[in-house]
């Protein structure tokens, strides 16, 4: 984790530094999600693949799936 200060230009745009984009796995023309919270804003890549598809590709044993489902329902995994 790291913190980086950026400046908003006259057109109200923010240019994210390469280090930030690389850390988030964002490349040119990717879509991002900007989520406004009480604490500020969260910038994250839009994932084309639902998390359930990503989890399914891990070939986890059924017991791990059940644990993962419980944690998602309890809000510990987003």
N, C-alpha and C. Protein backbone atom coordinates (compact mmCIF):
# COMPACT_ATOMS: atom_id res chain seq x y z
N UNK A 1 0.84 -1.18 0.00
CA UNK A 1 0.00 0.00 0.00
C UNK A 1 0.88 1.25 0.00
N UNK A 2 0.38 2.28 -0.63
CA UNK A 2 1.09 3.54 -0.63
C UNK A 2 0.11 4.67 -0.87
N UNK A 3 0.54 5.89 -0.63
CA UNK A 3 -0.28 7.07 -0.84
C UNK A 3 0.42 7.95 -1.85
N UNK A 4 -0.36 8.53 -2.75
CA UNK A 4 0.19 9.41 -3.78
C UNK A 4 -0.73 10.62 -3.90
N UNK A 5 -0.15 11.81 -3.97
CA UNK A 5 -0.91 13.04 -4.15
C UNK A 5 -0.92 13.39 -5.63
N UNK A 6 -2.10 13.69 -6.17
CA UNK A 6 -2.24 14.11 -7.57
C UNK A 6 -3.02 15.42 -7.61
N UNK A 7 -2.97 16.11 -8.75
CA UNK A 7 -3.63 17.40 -8.89
C UNK A 7 -4.77 17.30 -9.89
N UNK A 8 -5.85 18.00 -9.61
CA UNK A 8 -6.98 18.07 -10.53
C UNK A 8 -6.69 19.21 -11.51
N UNK A 9 -6.80 18.94 -12.82
CA UNK A 9 -6.51 19.99 -13.81
C UNK A 9 -7.71 20.90 -14.06
N UNK A 10 -7.55 21.87 -14.94
CA UNK A 10 -8.61 22.84 -15.23
C UNK A 10 -9.89 22.19 -15.76
N UNK A 11 -9.76 21.05 -16.38
CA UNK A 11 -10.94 20.33 -16.90
C UNK A 11 -11.53 19.38 -15.86
N UNK A 12 -11.06 19.48 -14.63
CA UNK A 12 -11.53 18.67 -13.50
C UNK A 12 -11.16 17.19 -13.65
N UNK A 13 -10.06 16.93 -14.30
CA UNK A 13 -9.57 15.56 -14.50
C UNK A 13 -8.45 15.25 -13.53
N UNK A 14 -8.34 13.99 -13.22
CA UNK A 14 -7.24 13.50 -12.38
C UNK A 14 -6.45 12.51 -13.22
N UNK A 15 -5.15 12.68 -13.27
CA UNK A 15 -4.29 11.72 -13.95
C UNK A 15 -3.68 10.83 -12.87
N UNK A 16 -3.99 9.53 -12.97
CA UNK A 16 -3.44 8.59 -12.01
C UNK A 16 -2.03 8.19 -12.42
N UNK A 17 -1.09 8.26 -11.51
CA UNK A 17 0.29 7.88 -11.83
C UNK A 17 0.39 6.42 -12.25
N UNK A 18 1.39 6.14 -13.06
CA UNK A 18 1.62 4.78 -13.56
C UNK A 18 1.73 3.77 -12.42
N UNK A 19 2.39 4.16 -11.34
CA UNK A 19 2.56 3.27 -10.19
C UNK A 19 1.20 2.86 -9.61
N UNK A 20 0.25 3.79 -9.57
CA UNK A 20 -1.09 3.50 -9.06
C UNK A 20 -1.81 2.56 -10.00
N UNK A 21 -1.76 2.86 -11.30
CA UNK A 21 -2.43 2.02 -12.29
C UNK A 21 -1.87 0.60 -12.27
N UNK A 22 -0.55 0.49 -12.20
CA UNK A 22 0.08 -0.83 -12.15
C UNK A 22 -0.35 -1.61 -10.91
N UNK A 23 -0.40 -0.93 -9.77
CA UNK A 23 -0.78 -1.59 -8.52
C UNK A 23 -2.22 -2.09 -8.57
N UNK A 24 -3.08 -1.38 -9.30
CA UNK A 24 -4.48 -1.78 -9.42
C UNK A 24 -4.74 -2.70 -10.60
N UNK A 25 -3.72 -2.93 -11.43
CA UNK A 25 -3.90 -3.78 -12.60
C UNK A 25 -4.74 -3.12 -13.67
N UNK A 26 -4.71 -1.79 -13.74
CA UNK A 26 -5.49 -1.04 -14.72
C UNK A 26 -4.61 -0.67 -15.90
N UNK A 27 -5.12 -0.90 -17.11
CA UNK A 27 -4.39 -0.53 -18.32
C UNK A 27 -5.22 0.44 -19.15
N UNK A 28 -4.63 0.95 -20.22
CA UNK A 28 -5.30 1.91 -21.09
C UNK A 28 -6.64 1.36 -21.58
N UNK A 29 -7.66 2.18 -21.55
CA UNK A 29 -9.02 1.88 -22.00
C UNK A 29 -9.80 0.98 -21.06
N UNK A 30 -9.20 0.56 -19.94
CA UNK A 30 -9.96 -0.18 -18.94
C UNK A 30 -10.99 0.74 -18.32
N UNK A 31 -12.09 0.17 -17.87
CA UNK A 31 -13.08 0.94 -17.14
C UNK A 31 -12.78 0.81 -15.66
N UNK A 32 -13.04 1.89 -14.92
CA UNK A 32 -12.84 1.86 -13.48
C UNK A 32 -14.14 2.25 -12.79
N UNK A 33 -14.22 1.89 -11.54
CA UNK A 33 -15.36 2.25 -10.71
C UNK A 33 -14.85 3.25 -9.67
N UNK A 34 -15.56 4.36 -9.53
CA UNK A 34 -15.26 5.33 -8.48
C UNK A 34 -16.43 5.28 -7.50
N UNK A 35 -16.13 4.84 -6.30
CA UNK A 35 -17.16 4.69 -5.27
C UNK A 35 -16.96 5.77 -4.21
N UNK A 36 -17.98 6.58 -3.98
CA UNK A 36 -17.90 7.64 -2.98
C UNK A 36 -18.44 7.09 -1.67
N UNK A 37 -17.63 7.22 -0.61
CA UNK A 37 -18.01 6.76 0.72
C UNK A 37 -17.95 7.94 1.69
N UNK A 38 -18.35 7.72 2.92
CA UNK A 38 -18.25 8.78 3.91
C UNK A 38 -16.80 9.17 4.16
N UNK A 39 -15.90 8.21 4.00
CA UNK A 39 -14.48 8.45 4.26
C UNK A 39 -13.76 9.10 3.07
N UNK A 40 -14.35 9.07 1.88
CA UNK A 40 -13.69 9.61 0.69
C UNK A 40 -14.14 8.87 -0.55
N UNK A 41 -13.20 8.58 -1.42
CA UNK A 41 -13.51 7.88 -2.67
C UNK A 41 -12.62 6.66 -2.82
N UNK A 42 -13.18 5.63 -3.43
CA UNK A 42 -12.44 4.40 -3.71
C UNK A 42 -12.41 4.25 -5.23
N UNK A 43 -11.22 4.02 -5.77
CA UNK A 43 -11.06 3.79 -7.21
C UNK A 43 -10.62 2.34 -7.38
N UNK A 44 -11.38 1.60 -8.21
CA UNK A 44 -11.03 0.21 -8.42
C UNK A 44 -11.36 -0.19 -9.85
N UNK A 45 -10.67 -1.18 -10.38
CA UNK A 45 -10.96 -1.62 -11.74
C UNK A 45 -12.32 -2.30 -11.82
N UNK A 46 -13.00 -2.10 -12.93
CA UNK A 46 -14.25 -2.82 -13.17
C UNK A 46 -13.86 -4.20 -13.65
N UNK A 47 -14.36 -5.20 -13.02
CA UNK A 47 -14.03 -6.58 -13.39
C UNK A 47 -15.10 -7.12 -14.32
N UNK A 48 -14.67 -7.55 -15.49
CA UNK A 48 -15.61 -8.12 -16.46
C UNK A 48 -16.11 -9.48 -15.98
N UNK A 49 -15.25 -10.19 -15.25
CA UNK A 49 -15.60 -11.51 -14.77
C UNK A 49 -16.12 -11.41 -13.35
N UNK A 50 -17.32 -11.90 -13.10
CA UNK A 50 -17.84 -11.87 -11.72
C UNK A 50 -16.90 -12.64 -10.79
N UNK A 51 -16.85 -12.21 -9.55
CA UNK A 51 -15.95 -12.86 -8.58
C UNK A 51 -16.27 -14.34 -8.43
N UNK A 52 -17.53 -14.72 -8.59
CA UNK A 52 -17.87 -16.14 -8.46
C UNK A 52 -17.20 -16.96 -9.56
N UNK A 53 -17.07 -16.39 -10.76
CA UNK A 53 -16.37 -17.10 -11.84
C UNK A 53 -14.88 -17.24 -11.52
N UNK A 54 -14.30 -16.17 -10.94
CA UNK A 54 -12.89 -16.23 -10.57
C UNK A 54 -12.67 -17.29 -9.49
N UNK A 55 -13.57 -17.32 -8.52
CA UNK A 55 -13.46 -18.31 -7.44
C UNK A 55 -13.63 -19.72 -7.99
N UNK A 56 -14.58 -19.89 -8.91
CA UNK A 56 -14.83 -21.22 -9.49
C UNK A 56 -13.59 -21.73 -10.22
N UNK A 57 -12.83 -20.83 -10.81
CA UNK A 57 -11.64 -21.26 -11.55
C UNK A 57 -10.53 -21.76 -10.63
N UNK A 58 -10.67 -21.53 -9.32
CA UNK A 58 -9.65 -21.97 -8.36
C UNK A 58 -9.76 -23.45 -8.02
N UNK A 59 -10.87 -24.09 -8.39
CA UNK A 59 -11.08 -25.52 -8.11
C UNK A 59 -10.88 -25.86 -6.63
N UNK A 60 -11.53 -25.09 -5.78
CA UNK A 60 -11.43 -25.32 -4.34
C UNK A 60 -12.30 -26.49 -3.91
N UNK A 61 -11.90 -27.18 -2.83
CA UNK A 61 -12.76 -28.24 -2.29
C UNK A 61 -14.07 -27.63 -1.79
N UNK A 62 -15.12 -28.43 -1.73
CA UNK A 62 -16.44 -27.95 -1.34
C UNK A 62 -16.41 -27.26 0.02
N UNK A 63 -15.65 -27.79 0.97
CA UNK A 63 -15.61 -27.17 2.30
C UNK A 63 -15.08 -25.74 2.21
N UNK A 64 -14.10 -25.49 1.34
CA UNK A 64 -13.58 -24.13 1.17
C UNK A 64 -14.64 -23.22 0.55
N UNK A 65 -15.43 -23.75 -0.38
CA UNK A 65 -16.51 -22.97 -1.00
C UNK A 65 -17.51 -22.52 0.05
N UNK A 66 -17.86 -23.45 0.95
CA UNK A 66 -18.83 -23.12 1.99
C UNK A 66 -18.30 -22.03 2.91
N UNK A 67 -17.03 -22.10 3.26
CA UNK A 67 -16.40 -21.08 4.10
C UNK A 67 -16.38 -19.74 3.36
N UNK A 68 -16.03 -19.76 2.09
CA UNK A 68 -15.99 -18.54 1.29
C UNK A 68 -17.38 -17.90 1.22
N UNK A 69 -18.41 -18.72 1.02
CA UNK A 69 -19.78 -18.21 0.95
C UNK A 69 -20.18 -17.54 2.26
N UNK A 70 -19.83 -18.16 3.39
CA UNK A 70 -20.14 -17.58 4.70
C UNK A 70 -19.45 -16.22 4.86
N UNK A 71 -18.19 -16.14 4.47
CA UNK A 71 -17.44 -14.89 4.62
C UNK A 71 -17.99 -13.80 3.71
N UNK A 72 -18.42 -14.15 2.50
CA UNK A 72 -19.02 -13.17 1.61
C UNK A 72 -20.32 -12.65 2.21
N UNK A 73 -21.14 -13.57 2.72
CA UNK A 73 -22.42 -13.18 3.32
C UNK A 73 -22.22 -12.29 4.55
N UNK A 74 -21.15 -12.52 5.29
CA UNK A 74 -20.87 -11.74 6.49
C UNK A 74 -20.15 -10.42 6.16
N UNK A 75 -19.85 -10.22 4.87
CA UNK A 75 -19.23 -8.97 4.45
C UNK A 75 -17.72 -8.92 4.61
N UNK A 76 -17.09 -10.05 4.91
CA UNK A 76 -15.64 -10.04 5.07
C UNK A 76 -14.90 -10.13 3.75
N UNK A 77 -15.57 -10.61 2.70
CA UNK A 77 -14.99 -10.68 1.37
C UNK A 77 -15.91 -9.93 0.44
N UNK A 78 -15.34 -8.97 -0.32
CA UNK A 78 -16.17 -8.19 -1.25
C UNK A 78 -16.03 -8.73 -2.64
